[in-house]
Amino acid sequence: MNTASITMVLLTLLAIFSATEGKRHPRVLHCLCPNVQTGRIPFRNLKRVLHLPPRPHCSKTEVIITLKNGRQLCLDPNDPPVKILVERSTKRMQASKRTKEVGSTTHTP
């Protein structure tokens, strides 16, 4: 290869990389739960509860749980056990925030 060819290849690669450098990844602009599961909730394997209220791009309330094995399930937010689960999860989160706030304040004698 001569220097003109190498220069042309490098300029082409530079143009490609600089064109894609500043692009942002698109955000998800739809509901995350196309289908919901009803029935038993695997409490023993529960790792995380995510409660998503209606948003501009999704008019539904969504409840997504993550199991210890990493699997995610969408639950019906109108199902009574799910309502209790969300309520308890919210209370736990608020309590842990309060504990962190109290622990981070310093008292001077």
PDB file of N, CA and C in Angstrom:
ATOM      1  N   MET A   1       0.843  -1.189   0.000  1.00  0.00           N
ATOM      2  CA  MET A   1       0.000   0.000   0.000  1.00  0.00           C
ATOM      3  C   MET A   1       0.883   1.244   0.000  1.00  0.00           C
ATOM      4  N   ASN A   2       0.471   2.188  -0.765  1.00  0.00           N
ATOM      5  CA  ASN A   2       1.239   3.433  -0.764  1.00  0.00           C
ATOM      6  C   ASN A   2       0.679   4.396   0.276  1.00  0.00           C
ATOM      7  N   THR A   3       1.376   5.482   0.503  1.00  0.00           N
ATOM      8  CA  THR A   3       0.968   6.431   1.541  1.00  0.00           C
ATOM      9  C   THR A   3      -0.365   7.090   1.248  1.00  0.00           C
ATOM     10  N   ALA A   4      -0.702   7.295   0.000  1.00  0.00           N
ATOM     11  CA  ALA A   4      -1.989   7.915  -0.337  1.00  0.00           C
ATOM     12  C   ALA A   4      -3.139   6.996   0.073  1.00  0.00           C
ATOM     13  N   SER A   5      -2.981   5.698  -0.149  1.00  0.00           N
ATOM     14  CA  SER A   5      -4.032   4.736   0.231  1.00  0.00           C
ATOM     15  C   SER A   5      -4.184   4.659   1.750  1.00  0.00           C
ATOM     16  N   ILE A   6      -3.062   4.619   2.442  1.00  0.00           N
ATOM     17  CA  ILE A   6      -3.106   4.556   3.906  1.00  0.00           C
ATOM     18  C   ILE A   6      -3.742   5.824   4.469  1.00  0.00           C
ATOM     19  N   THR A   7      -3.378   6.955   3.919  1.00  0.00           N
ATOM     20  CA  THR A   7      -3.960   8.221   4.365  1.00  0.00           C
ATOM     21  C   THR A   7      -5.459   8.238   4.133  1.00  0.00           C
ATOM     22  N   MET A   8      -5.884   7.746   2.973  1.00  0.00           N
ATOM     23  CA  MET A   8      -7.314   7.715   2.652  1.00  0.00           C
ATOM     24  C   MET A   8      -8.078   6.806   3.624  1.00  0.00           C
ATOM     25  N   VAL A   9      -7.521   5.652   3.951  1.00  0.00           N
ATOM     26  CA  VAL A   9      -8.164   4.726   4.891  1.00  0.00           C
ATOM     27  C   VAL A   9      -8.260   5.372   6.272  1.00  0.00           C
ATOM     28  N   LEU A  10      -7.183   6.002   6.720  1.00  0.00           N
ATOM     29  CA  LEU A  10      -7.194   6.649   8.031  1.00  0.00           C
ATOM     30  C   LEU A  10      -8.196   7.799   8.087  1.00  0.00           C
ATOM     31  N   LEU A  11      -8.278   8.588   7.034  1.00  0.00           N
ATOM     32  CA  LEU A  11      -9.253   9.682   7.003  1.00  0.00           C
ATOM     33  C   LEU A  11     -10.690   9.154   7.009  1.00  0.00           C
ATOM     34  N   THR A  12     -10.922   8.059   6.301  1.00  0.00           N
ATOM     35  CA  THR A  12     -12.260   7.453   6.287  1.00  0.00           C
ATOM     36  C   THR A  12     -12.632   6.952   7.682  1.00  0.00           C
ATOM     37  N   LEU A  13     -11.700   6.261   8.335  1.00  0.00           N
ATOM     38  CA  LEU A  13     -11.965   5.772   9.695  1.00  0.00           C
ATOM     39  C   LEU A  13     -12.190   6.929  10.664  1.00  0.00           C
ATOM     40  N   LEU A  14     -11.406   7.974  10.529  1.00  0.00           N
ATOM     41  CA  LEU A  14     -11.570   9.142  11.386  1.00  0.00           C
ATOM     42  C   LEU A  14     -12.946   9.773  11.194  1.00  0.00           C
ATOM     43  N   ALA A  15     -13.398   9.855   9.961  1.00  0.00           N
ATOM     44  CA  ALA A  15     -14.718  10.430   9.675  1.00  0.00           C
ATOM     45  C   ALA A  15     -15.829   9.570  10.268  1.00  0.00           C
ATOM     46  N   ILE A  16     -15.689   8.260  10.165  1.00  0.00           N
ATOM     47  CA  ILE A  16     -16.714   7.351  10.708  1.00  0.00           C
ATOM     48  C   ILE A  16     -16.778   7.479  12.229  1.00  0.00           C
ATOM     49  N   PHE A  17     -15.613   7.435  12.892  1.00  0.00           N
ATOM     50  CA  PHE A  17     -15.602   7.498  14.350  1.00  0.00           C
ATOM     51  C   PHE A  17     -16.055   8.847  14.880  1.00  0.00           C
ATOM     52  N   SER A  18     -15.691   9.912  14.217  1.00  0.00           N
ATOM     53  CA  SER A  18     -16.111  11.228  14.704  1.00  0.00           C
ATOM     54  C   SER A  18     -17.598  11.459  14.476  1.00  0.00           C
ATOM     55  N   ALA A  19     -18.183  10.835  13.458  1.00  0.00           N
ATOM     56  CA  ALA A  19     -19.617  10.995  13.198  1.00  0.00           C
ATOM     57  C   ALA A  19     -20.450  10.249  14.226  1.00  0.00           C
ATOM     58  N   THR A  20     -19.945   9.137  14.739  1.00  0.00           N
ATOM     59  CA  THR A  20     -20.720   8.345  15.699  1.00  0.00           C
ATOM     60  C   THR A  20     -20.392   8.684  17.142  1.00  0.00           C
ATOM     61  N   GLU A  21     -19.350   9.433  17.388  1.00  0.00           N
ATOM     62  CA  GLU A  21     -18.908   9.743  18.751  1.00  0.00           C
ATOM     63  C   GLU A  21     -19.965  10.455  19.571  1.00  0.00           C
ATOM     64  N   GLY A  22     -20.590  11.478  19.035  1.00  0.00           N
ATOM     65  CA  GLY A  22     -21.498  12.299  19.820  1.00  0.00           C
ATOM     66  C   GLY A  22     -22.933  11.832  19.841  1.00  0.00           C
ATOM     67  N   LYS A  23     -23.261  10.735  19.184  1.00  0.00           N
ATOM     68  CA  LYS A  23     -24.651  10.283  19.155  1.00  0.00           C
ATOM     69  C   LYS A  23     -25.035   9.668  20.490  1.00  0.00           C
ATOM     70  N   ARG A  24     -26.242   9.960  20.931  1.00  0.00           N
ATOM     71  CA  ARG A  24     -26.746   9.403  22.179  1.00  0.00           C
ATOM     72  C   ARG A  24     -27.531   8.135  21.880  1.00  0.00           C
ATOM     73  N   HIS A  25     -27.562   7.280  22.866  1.00  0.00           N
ATOM     74  CA  HIS A  25     -28.393   6.092  22.736  1.00  0.00           C
ATOM     75  C   HIS A  25     -29.839   6.497  22.982  1.00  0.00           C
ATOM     76  N   PRO A  26     -30.756   6.037  22.152  1.00  0.00           N
ATOM     77  CA  PRO A  26     -32.151   6.434  22.361  1.00  0.00           C
ATOM     78  C   PRO A  26     -32.697   5.839  23.653  1.00  0.00           C
ATOM     79  N   ARG A  27     -33.503   6.620  24.361  1.00  0.00           N
ATOM     80  CA  ARG A  27     -34.143   6.120  25.571  1.00  0.00           C
ATOM     81  C   ARG A  27     -35.349   5.278  25.170  1.00  0.00           C
ATOM     82  N   VAL A  28     -35.726   4.398  26.055  1.00  0.00           N
ATOM     83  CA  VAL A  28     -36.894   3.569  25.803  1.00  0.00           C
ATOM     84  C   VAL A  28     -38.127   4.450  25.942  1.00  0.00           C
ATOM     85  N   LEU A  29     -38.888   4.578  24.871  1.00  0.00           N
ATOM     86  CA  LEU A  29     -40.056   5.452  24.889  1.00  0.00           C
ATOM     87  C   LEU A  29     -41.343   4.650  24.728  1.00  0.00           C
ATOM     88  N   HIS A  30     -41.445   3.586  25.491  1.00  0.00           N
ATOM     89  CA  HIS A  30     -42.665   2.785  25.496  1.00  0.00           C
ATOM     90  C   HIS A  30     -42.761   2.073  26.839  1.00  0.00           C
ATOM     91  N   CYS A  31     -43.872   1.427  27.060  1.00  0.00           N
ATOM     92  CA  CYS A  31     -44.037   0.680  28.314  1.00  0.00           C
ATOM     93  C   CYS A  31     -43.043  -0.485  28.354  1.00  0.00           C
ATOM     94  N   LEU A  32     -42.553  -0.799  29.526  1.00  0.00           N
ATOM     95  CA  LEU A  32     -41.598  -1.886  29.678  1.00  0.00           C
ATOM     96  C   LEU A  32     -42.278  -3.242  29.829  1.00  0.00           C
ATOM     97  N   CYS A  33     -43.556  -3.238  30.198  1.00  0.00           N
ATOM     98  CA  CYS A  33     -44.280  -4.484  30.446  1.00  0.00           C
ATOM     99  C   CYS A  33     -45.422  -4.663  29.447  1.00  0.00           C
ATOM    100  N   PRO A  34     -45.174  -5.347  28.338  1.00  0.00           N
ATOM    101  CA  PRO A  34     -46.277  -5.585  27.404  1.00  0.00           C
ATOM    102  C   PRO A  34     -47.304  -6.562  27.984  1.00  0.00           C
ATOM    103  N   ASN A  35     -46.839  -7.501  28.800  1.00  0.00           N
ATOM    104  CA  ASN A  35     -47.718  -8.485  29.440  1.00  0.00           C
ATOM    105  C   ASN A  35     -47.392  -8.529  30.924  1.00  0.00           C
ATOM    106  N   VAL A  36     -48.414  -8.784  31.734  1.00  0.00           N
ATOM    107  CA  VAL A  36     -48.189  -8.896  33.172  1.00  0.00           C
ATOM    108  C   VAL A  36     -48.542 -10.290  33.647  1.00  0.00           C
ATOM    109  N   GLN A  37     -47.899 -10.684  34.720  1.00  0.00           N
ATOM    110  CA  GLN A  37     -48.120 -11.997  35.302  1.00  0.00           C
ATOM    111  C   GLN A  37     -48.985 -11.844  36.545  1.00  0.00           C
ATOM    112  N   THR A  38     -49.938 -12.708  36.701  1.00  0.00           N
ATOM    113  CA  THR A  38     -50.756 -12.723  37.915  1.00  0.00           C
ATOM    114  C   THR A  38     -50.532 -14.054  38.617  1.00  0.00           C
ATOM    115  N   GLY A  39     -50.927 -14.111  39.847  1.00  0.00           N
ATOM    116  CA  GLY A  39     -50.769 -15.357  40.587  1.00  0.00           C
ATOM    117  C   GLY A  39     -49.723 -15.223  41.669  1.00  0.00           C
ATOM    118  N   ARG A  40     -49.056 -16.329  41.950  1.00  0.00           N
ATOM    119  CA  ARG A  40     -48.098 -16.375  43.055  1.00  0.00           C
ATOM    120  C   ARG A  40     -46.870 -15.524  42.776  1.00  0.00           C
ATOM    121  N   ILE A  41     -46.415 -14.863  43.820  1.00  0.00           N
ATOM    122  CA  ILE A  41     -45.187 -14.075  43.743  1.00  0.00           C
ATOM    123  C   ILE A  41     -44.100 -14.874  44.454  1.00  0.00           C
ATOM    124  N   PRO A  42     -42.976 -15.119  43.793  1.00  0.00           N
ATOM    125  CA  PRO A  42     -41.902 -15.908  44.421  1.00  0.00           C
ATOM    126  C   PRO A  42     -41.109 -15.078  45.435  1.00  0.00           C
ATOM    127  N   PHE A  43     -41.700 -14.895  46.643  1.00  0.00           N
ATOM    128  CA  PHE A  43     -41.092 -14.031  47.657  1.00  0.00           C
ATOM    129  C   PHE A  43     -39.694 -14.488  48.068  1.00  0.00           C
ATOM    130  N   ARG A  44     -39.476 -15.793  48.131  1.00  0.00           N
ATOM    131  CA  ARG A  44     -38.167 -16.300  48.567  1.00  0.00           C
ATOM    132  C   ARG A  44     -37.052 -15.893  47.610  1.00  0.00           C
ATOM    133  N   ASN A  45     -37.396 -15.759  46.343  1.00  0.00           N
ATOM    134  CA  ASN A  45     -36.387 -15.429  45.336  1.00  0.00           C
ATOM    135  C   ASN A  45     -36.371 -13.954  44.973  1.00  0.00           C
ATOM    136  N   LEU A  46     -37.122 -13.152  45.704  1.00  0.00           N
ATOM    137  CA  LEU A  46     -37.264 -11.738  45.379  1.00  0.00           C
ATOM    138  C   LEU A  46     -36.008 -10.957  45.756  1.00  0.00           C
ATOM    139  N   LYS A  47     -35.510 -10.178  44.802  1.00  0.00           N
ATOM    140  CA  LYS A  47     -34.321  -9.365  45.047  1.00  0.00           C
ATOM    141  C   LYS A  47     -34.658  -7.878  45.048  1.00  0.00           C
ATOM    142  N   ARG A  48     -35.529  -7.442  44.131  1.00  0.00           N
ATOM    143  CA  ARG A  48     -35.804  -6.010  43.978  1.00  0.00           C
ATOM    144  C   ARG A  48     -37.218  -5.798  43.452  1.00  0.00           C
ATOM    145  N   VAL A  49     -37.850  -4.712  43.908  1.00  0.00           N
ATOM    146  CA  VAL A  49     -39.179  -4.322  43.432  1.00  0.00           C
ATOM    147  C   VAL A  49     -39.058  -2.930  42.820  1.00  0.00           C
ATOM    148  N   LEU A  50     -39.527  -2.790  41.596  1.00  0.00           N
ATOM    149  CA  LEU A  50     -39.500  -1.505  40.907  1.00  0.00           C
ATOM    150  C   LEU A  50     -40.929  -1.111  40.563  1.00  0.00           C
ATOM    151  N   HIS A  51     -41.360   0.022  41.108  1.00  0.00           N
ATOM    152  CA  HIS A  51     -42.714   0.526  40.866  1.00  0.00           C
ATOM    153  C   HIS A  51     -42.592   1.754  39.986  1.00  0.00           C
ATOM    154  N   LEU A  52     -43.152   1.689  38.781  1.00  0.00           N
ATOM    155  CA  LEU A  52     -43.083   2.806  37.839  1.00  0.00           C
ATOM    156  C   LEU A  52     -44.472   3.390  37.641  1.00  0.00           C
ATOM    157  N   PRO A  53     -44.690   4.618  38.078  1.00  0.00           N
ATOM    158  CA  PRO A  53     -45.993   5.258  37.859  1.00  0.00           C
ATOM    159  C   PRO A  53     -46.155   5.605  36.376  1.00  0.00           C
ATOM    160  N   PRO A  54     -47.356   5.995  35.953  1.00  0.00           N
ATOM    161  CA  PRO A  54     -47.546   6.395  34.551  1.00  0.00           C
ATOM    162  C   PRO A  54     -46.572   7.521  34.187  1.00  0.00           C
ATOM    163  N   ARG A  55     -46.078   7.431  32.960  1.00  0.00           N
ATOM    164  CA  ARG A  55     -45.109   8.401  32.458  1.00  0.00           C
ATOM    165  C   ARG A  55     -45.591   8.932  31.118  1.00  0.00           C
ATOM    166  N   PRO A  56     -44.961   9.967  30.585  1.00  0.00           N
ATOM    167  CA  PRO A  56     -45.419  10.524  29.304  1.00  0.00           C
ATOM    168  C   PRO A  56     -45.465   9.501  28.169  1.00  0.00           C
ATOM    169  N   HIS A  57     -44.546   8.536  28.192  1.00  0.00           N
ATOM    170  CA  HIS A  57     -44.497   7.555  27.114  1.00  0.00           C
ATOM    171  C   HIS A  57     -45.181   6.234  27.463  1.00  0.00           C
ATOM    172  N   CYS A  58     -45.752   6.138  28.666  1.00  0.00           N
ATOM    173  CA  CYS A  58     -46.475   4.923  29.066  1.00  0.00           C
ATOM    174  C   CYS A  58     -47.564   5.318  30.056  1.00  0.00           C
ATOM    175  N   SER A  59     -48.797   5.102  29.685  1.00  0.00           N
ATOM    176  CA  SER A  59     -49.918   5.543  30.523  1.00  0.00           C
ATOM    177  C   SER A  59     -50.241   4.564  31.653  1.00  0.00           C
ATOM    178  N   LYS A  60     -49.564   3.416  31.677  1.00  0.00           N
ATOM    179  CA  LYS A  60     -49.851   2.395  32.682  1.00  0.00           C
ATOM    180  C   LYS A  60     -48.894   2.485  33.865  1.00  0.00           C
ATOM    181  N   THR A  61     -49.381   2.047  35.021  1.00  0.00           N
ATOM    182  CA  THR A  61     -48.506   1.827  36.165  1.00  0.00           C
ATOM    183  C   THR A  61     -47.879   0.459  35.966  1.00  0.00           C
ATOM    184  N   GLU A  62     -46.570   0.361  36.175  1.00  0.00           N
ATOM    185  CA  GLU A  62     -45.881  -0.910  35.970  1.00  0.00           C
ATOM    186  C   GLU A  62     -45.152  -1.317  37.246  1.00  0.00           C
ATOM    187  N   VAL A  63     -45.180  -2.614  37.529  1.00  0.00           N
ATOM    188  CA  VAL A  63     -44.446  -3.175  38.663  1.00  0.00           C
ATOM    189  C   VAL A  63     -43.564  -4.283  38.105  1.00  0.00           C
ATOM    190  N   ILE A  64     -42.254  -4.102  38.272  1.00  0.00           N
ATOM    191  CA  ILE A  64     -41.289  -5.077  37.764  1.00  0.00           C
ATOM    192  C   ILE A  64     -40.487  -5.587  38.949  1.00  0.00           C
ATOM    193  N   ILE A  65     -40.464  -6.906  39.117  1.00  0.00           N
ATOM    194  CA  ILE A  65     -39.644  -7.484  40.181  1.00  0.00           C
ATOM    195  C   ILE A  65     -38.442  -8.172  39.542  1.00  0.00           C
ATOM    196  N   THR A  66     -37.345  -8.144  40.273  1.00  0.00           N
ATOM    197  CA  THR A  66     -36.145  -8.852  39.845  1.00  0.00           C
ATOM    198  C   THR A  66     -35.919  -9.977  40.836  1.00  0.00           C
ATOM    199  N   LEU A  67     -35.722 -11.174  40.308  1.00  0.00           N
ATOM    200  CA  LEU A  67     -35.474 -12.333  41.155  1.00  0.00           C
ATOM    201  C   LEU A  67     -33.972 -12.480  41.394  1.00  0.00           C
ATOM    202  N   LYS A  68     -33.599 -13.306  42.351  1.00  0.00           N
ATOM    203  CA  LYS A  68     -32.192 -13.495  42.693  1.00  0.00           C
ATOM    204  C   LYS A  68     -31.379 -14.050  41.528  1.00  0.00           C
ATOM    205  N   ASN A  69     -32.032 -14.780  40.620  1.00  0.00           N
ATOM    206  CA  ASN A  69     -31.320 -15.322  39.465  1.00  0.00           C
ATOM    207  C   ASN A  69     -31.210 -14.308  38.318  1.00  0.00           C
ATOM    208  N   GLY A  70     -31.716 -13.071  38.535  1.00  0.00           N
ATOM    209  CA  GLY A  70     -31.623 -12.023  37.528  1.00  0.00           C
ATOM    210  C   GLY A  70     -32.836 -11.901  36.624  1.00  0.00           C
ATOM    211  N   ARG A  71     -33.721 -12.860  36.681  1.00  0.00           N
ATOM    212  CA  ARG A  71     -34.922 -12.831  35.840  1.00  0.00           C
ATOM    213  C   ARG A  71     -35.858 -11.722  36.314  1.00  0.00           C
ATOM    214  N   GLN A  72     -36.469 -11.033  35.353  1.00  0.00           N
ATOM    215  CA  GLN A  72     -37.407  -9.968  35.693  1.00  0.00           C
ATOM    216  C   GLN A  72     -38.815 -10.372  35.282  1.00  0.00           C
ATOM    217  N   LEU A  73     -39.771 -10.037  36.146  1.00  0.00           N
ATOM    218  CA  LEU A  73     -41.173 -10.338  35.886  1.00  0.00           C
ATOM    219  C   LEU A  73     -41.994  -9.069  36.032  1.00  0.00           C
ATOM    220  N   CYS A  74     -42.947  -8.899  35.135  1.00  0.00           N
ATOM    221  CA  CYS A  74     -43.889  -7.789  35.233  1.00  0.00           C
ATOM    222  C   CYS A  74     -45.137  -8.302  35.933  1.00  0.00           C
ATOM    223  N   LEU A  75     -45.547  -7.603  36.977  1.00  0.00           N
ATOM    224  CA  LEU A  75     -46.717  -8.018  37.747  1.00  0.00           C
ATOM    225  C   LEU A  75     -47.861  -7.050  37.517  1.00  0.00           C
ATOM    226  N   ASP A  76     -49.067  -7.552  37.736  1.00  0.00           N
ATOM    227  CA  ASP A  76     -50.266  -6.731  37.592  1.00  0.00           C
ATOM    228  C   ASP A  76     -50.370  -5.798  38.798  1.00  0.00           C
ATOM    229  N   PRO A  77     -50.269  -4.480  38.589  1.00  0.00           N
ATOM    230  CA  PRO A  77     -50.303  -3.551  39.724  1.00  0.00           C
ATOM    231  C   PRO A  77     -51.649  -3.502  40.437  1.00  0.00           C
ATOM    232  N   ASN A  78     -52.701  -4.041  39.832  1.00  0.00           N
ATOM    233  CA  ASN A  78     -54.023  -4.050  40.462  1.00  0.00           C
ATOM    234  C   ASN A  78     -54.282  -5.313  41.268  1.00  0.00           C
ATOM    235  N   ASP A  79     -53.381  -6.270  41.206  1.00  0.00           N
ATOM    236  CA  ASP A  79     -53.500  -7.514  41.953  1.00  0.00           C
ATOM    237  C   ASP A  79     -53.234  -7.202  43.436  1.00  0.00           C
ATOM    238  N   PRO A  80     -54.150  -7.571  44.358  1.00  0.00           N
ATOM    239  CA  PRO A  80     -53.978  -7.218  45.780  1.00  0.00           C
ATOM    240  C   PRO A  80     -52.621  -7.590  46.386  1.00  0.00           C
ATOM    241  N   PRO A  81     -52.078  -8.801  46.135  1.00  0.00           N
ATOM    242  CA  PRO A  81     -50.754  -9.093  46.707  1.00  0.00           C
ATOM    243  C   PRO A  81     -49.657  -8.167  46.168  1.00  0.00           C
ATOM    244  N   VAL A  82     -49.793  -7.745  44.923  1.00  0.00           N
ATOM    245  CA  VAL A  82     -48.803  -6.843  44.328  1.00  0.00           C
ATOM    246  C   VAL A  82     -48.912  -5.462  44.966  1.00  0.00           C
ATOM    247  N   LYS A  83     -50.139  -5.026  45.240  1.00  0.00           N
ATOM    248  CA  LYS A  83     -50.328  -3.734  45.915  1.00  0.00           C
ATOM    249  C   LYS A  83     -49.648  -3.740  47.282  1.00  0.00           C
ATOM    250  N   ILE A  84     -49.803  -4.839  48.011  1.00  0.00           N
ATOM    251  CA  ILE A  84     -49.174  -4.969  49.330  1.00  0.00           C
ATOM    252  C   ILE A  84     -47.654  -4.968  49.185  1.00  0.00           C
ATOM    253  N   LEU A  85     -47.151  -5.695  48.192  1.00  0.00           N
ATOM    254  CA  LEU A  85     -45.713  -5.759  47.946  1.00  0.00           C
ATOM    255  C   LEU A  85     -45.137  -4.374  47.651  1.00  0.00           C
ATOM    256  N   VAL A  86     -45.813  -3.610  46.812  1.00  0.00           N
ATOM    257  CA  VAL A  86     -45.356  -2.259  46.465  1.00  0.00           C
ATOM    258  C   VAL A  86     -45.400  -1.353  47.693  1.00  0.00           C
ATOM    259  N   GLU A  87     -46.468  -1.466  48.467  1.00  0.00           N
ATOM    260  CA  GLU A  87     -46.611  -0.641  49.672  1.00  0.00           C
ATOM    261  C   GLU A  87     -45.486  -0.925  50.664  1.00  0.00           C
ATOM    262  N   ARG A  88     -45.205  -2.204  50.895  1.00  0.00           N
ATOM    263  CA  ARG A  88     -44.134  -2.574  51.831  1.00  0.00           C
ATOM    264  C   ARG A  88     -42.773  -2.125  51.313  1.00  0.00           C
ATOM    265  N   SER A  89     -42.566  -2.279  50.027  1.00  0.00           N
ATOM    266  CA  SER A  89     -41.297  -1.870  49.425  1.00  0.00           C
ATOM    267  C   SER A  89     -41.095  -0.366  49.560  1.00  0.00           C
ATOM    268  N   THR A  90     -42.159   0.399  49.335  1.00  0.00           N
ATOM    269  CA  THR A  90     -42.090   1.856  49.460  1.00  0.00           C
ATOM    270  C   THR A  90     -41.795   2.257  50.900  1.00  0.00           C
ATOM    271  N   LYS A  91     -42.460   1.603  51.855  1.00  0.00           N
ATOM    272  CA  LYS A  91     -42.223   1.909  53.273  1.00  0.00           C
ATOM    273  C   LYS A  91     -40.783   1.600  53.663  1.00  0.00           C
ATOM    274  N   ARG A  92     -40.247   0.470  53.178  1.00  0.00           N
ATOM    275  CA  ARG A  92     -38.869   0.102  53.482  1.00  0.00           C
ATOM    276  C   ARG A  92     -37.890   1.133  52.933  1.00  0.00           C
ATOM    277  N   MET A  93     -38.162   1.582  51.712  1.00  0.00           N
ATOM    278  CA  MET A  93     -37.280   2.561  51.086  1.00  0.00           C
ATOM    279  C   MET A  93     -37.308   3.883  51.846  1.00  0.00           C
ATOM    280  N   GLN A  94     -38.498   4.310  52.268  1.00  0.00           N
ATOM    281  CA  GLN A  94     -38.615   5.554  53.025  1.00  0.00           C
ATOM    282  C   GLN A  94     -37.921   5.428  54.378  1.00  0.00           C
ATOM    283  N   ALA A  95     -38.062   4.277  55.013  1.00  0.00           N
ATOM    284  CA  ALA A  95     -37.418   4.058  56.308  1.00  0.00           C
ATOM    285  C   ALA A  95     -35.899   4.070  56.168  1.00  0.00           C
ATOM    286  N   SER A  96     -35.382   3.467  55.109  1.00  0.00           N
ATOM    287  CA  SER A  96     -33.927   3.448  54.932  1.00  0.00           C
ATOM    288  C   SER A  96     -33.403   4.845  54.607  1.00  0.00           C
ATOM    289  N   LYS A  97     -34.186   5.656  53.908  1.00  0.00           N
ATOM    290  CA  LYS A  97     -33.778   7.043  53.644  1.00  0.00           C
ATOM    291  C   LYS A  97     -33.695   7.824  54.947  1.00  0.00           C
ATOM    292  N   ARG A  98     -34.701   7.638  55.808  1.00  0.00           N
ATOM    293  CA  ARG A  98     -34.708   8.335  57.100  1.00  0.00           C
ATOM    294  C   ARG A  98     -33.511   7.918  57.947  1.00  0.00           C
ATOM    295  N   THR A  99     -33.182   6.628  57.946  1.00  0.00           N
ATOM    296  CA  THR A  99     -32.054   6.149  58.733  1.00  0.00           C
ATOM    297  C   THR A  99     -30.757   6.739  58.213  1.00  0.00           C
ATOM    298  N   LYS A 100     -30.608   6.820  56.903  1.00  0.00           N
ATOM    299  CA  LYS A 100     -29.393   7.406  56.331  1.00  0.00           C
ATOM    300  C   LYS A 100     -29.297   8.885  56.671  1.00  0.00           C
ATOM    301  N   GLU A 101     -30.429   9.589  56.639  1.00  0.00           N
ATOM    302  CA  GLU A 101     -30.427  11.016  56.967  1.00  0.00           C
ATOM    303  C   GLU A 101     -30.047  11.232  58.425  1.00  0.00           C
ATOM    304  N   VAL A 102     -30.585  10.424  59.310  1.00  0.00           N
ATOM    305  CA  VAL A 102     -30.283  10.550  60.737  1.00  0.00           C
ATOM    306  C   VAL A 102     -28.826  10.190  60.985  1.00  0.00           C
ATOM    307  N   GLY A 103     -28.330   9.163  60.337  1.00  0.00           N
ATOM    308  CA  GLY A 103     -26.946   8.737  60.523  1.00  0.00           C
ATOM    309  C   GLY A 103     -25.941   9.708  59.952  1.00  0.00           C
ATOM    310  N   SER A 104     -26.328  10.494  58.969  1.00  0.00           N
ATOM    311  CA  SER A 104     -25.368  11.401  58.337  1.00  0.00           C
ATOM    312  C   SER A 104     -25.297  12.760  59.018  1.00  0.00           C
ATOM    313  N   THR A 105     -26.233  13.059  59.913  1.00  0.00           N
ATOM    314  CA  THR A 105     -26.179  14.350  60.607  1.00  0.00           C
ATOM    315  C   THR A 105     -25.163  14.262  61.734  1.00  0.00           C
ATOM    316  N   THR A 106     -24.477  15.353  61.957  1.00  0.00           N
ATOM    317  CA  THR A 106     -23.486  15.371  63.037  1.00  0.00           C
ATOM    318  C   THR A 106     -24.002  16.237  64.170  1.00  0.00           C
ATOM    319  N   HIS A 107     -23.803  15.764  65.362  1.00  0.00           N
ATOM    320  CA  HIS A 107     -24.234  16.498  66.553  1.00  0.00           C
ATOM    321  C   HIS A 107     -23.009  17.117  67.210  1.00  0.00           C
ATOM    322  N   THR A 108     -23.108  18.385  67.535  1.00  0.00           N
ATOM    323  CA  THR A 108     -22.012  19.041  68.248  1.00  0.00           C
ATOM    324  C   THR A 108     -22.452  19.327  69.676  1.00  0.00           C
ATOM    325  N   PRO A 109     -21.592  19.024  70.645  1.00  0.00           N
ATOM    326  CA  PRO A 109     -21.980  19.227  72.056  1.00  0.00           C
ATOM    327  C   PRO A 109     -22.027  20.674  72.440  1.00  0.00           C
TER     328      PRO A 109
END
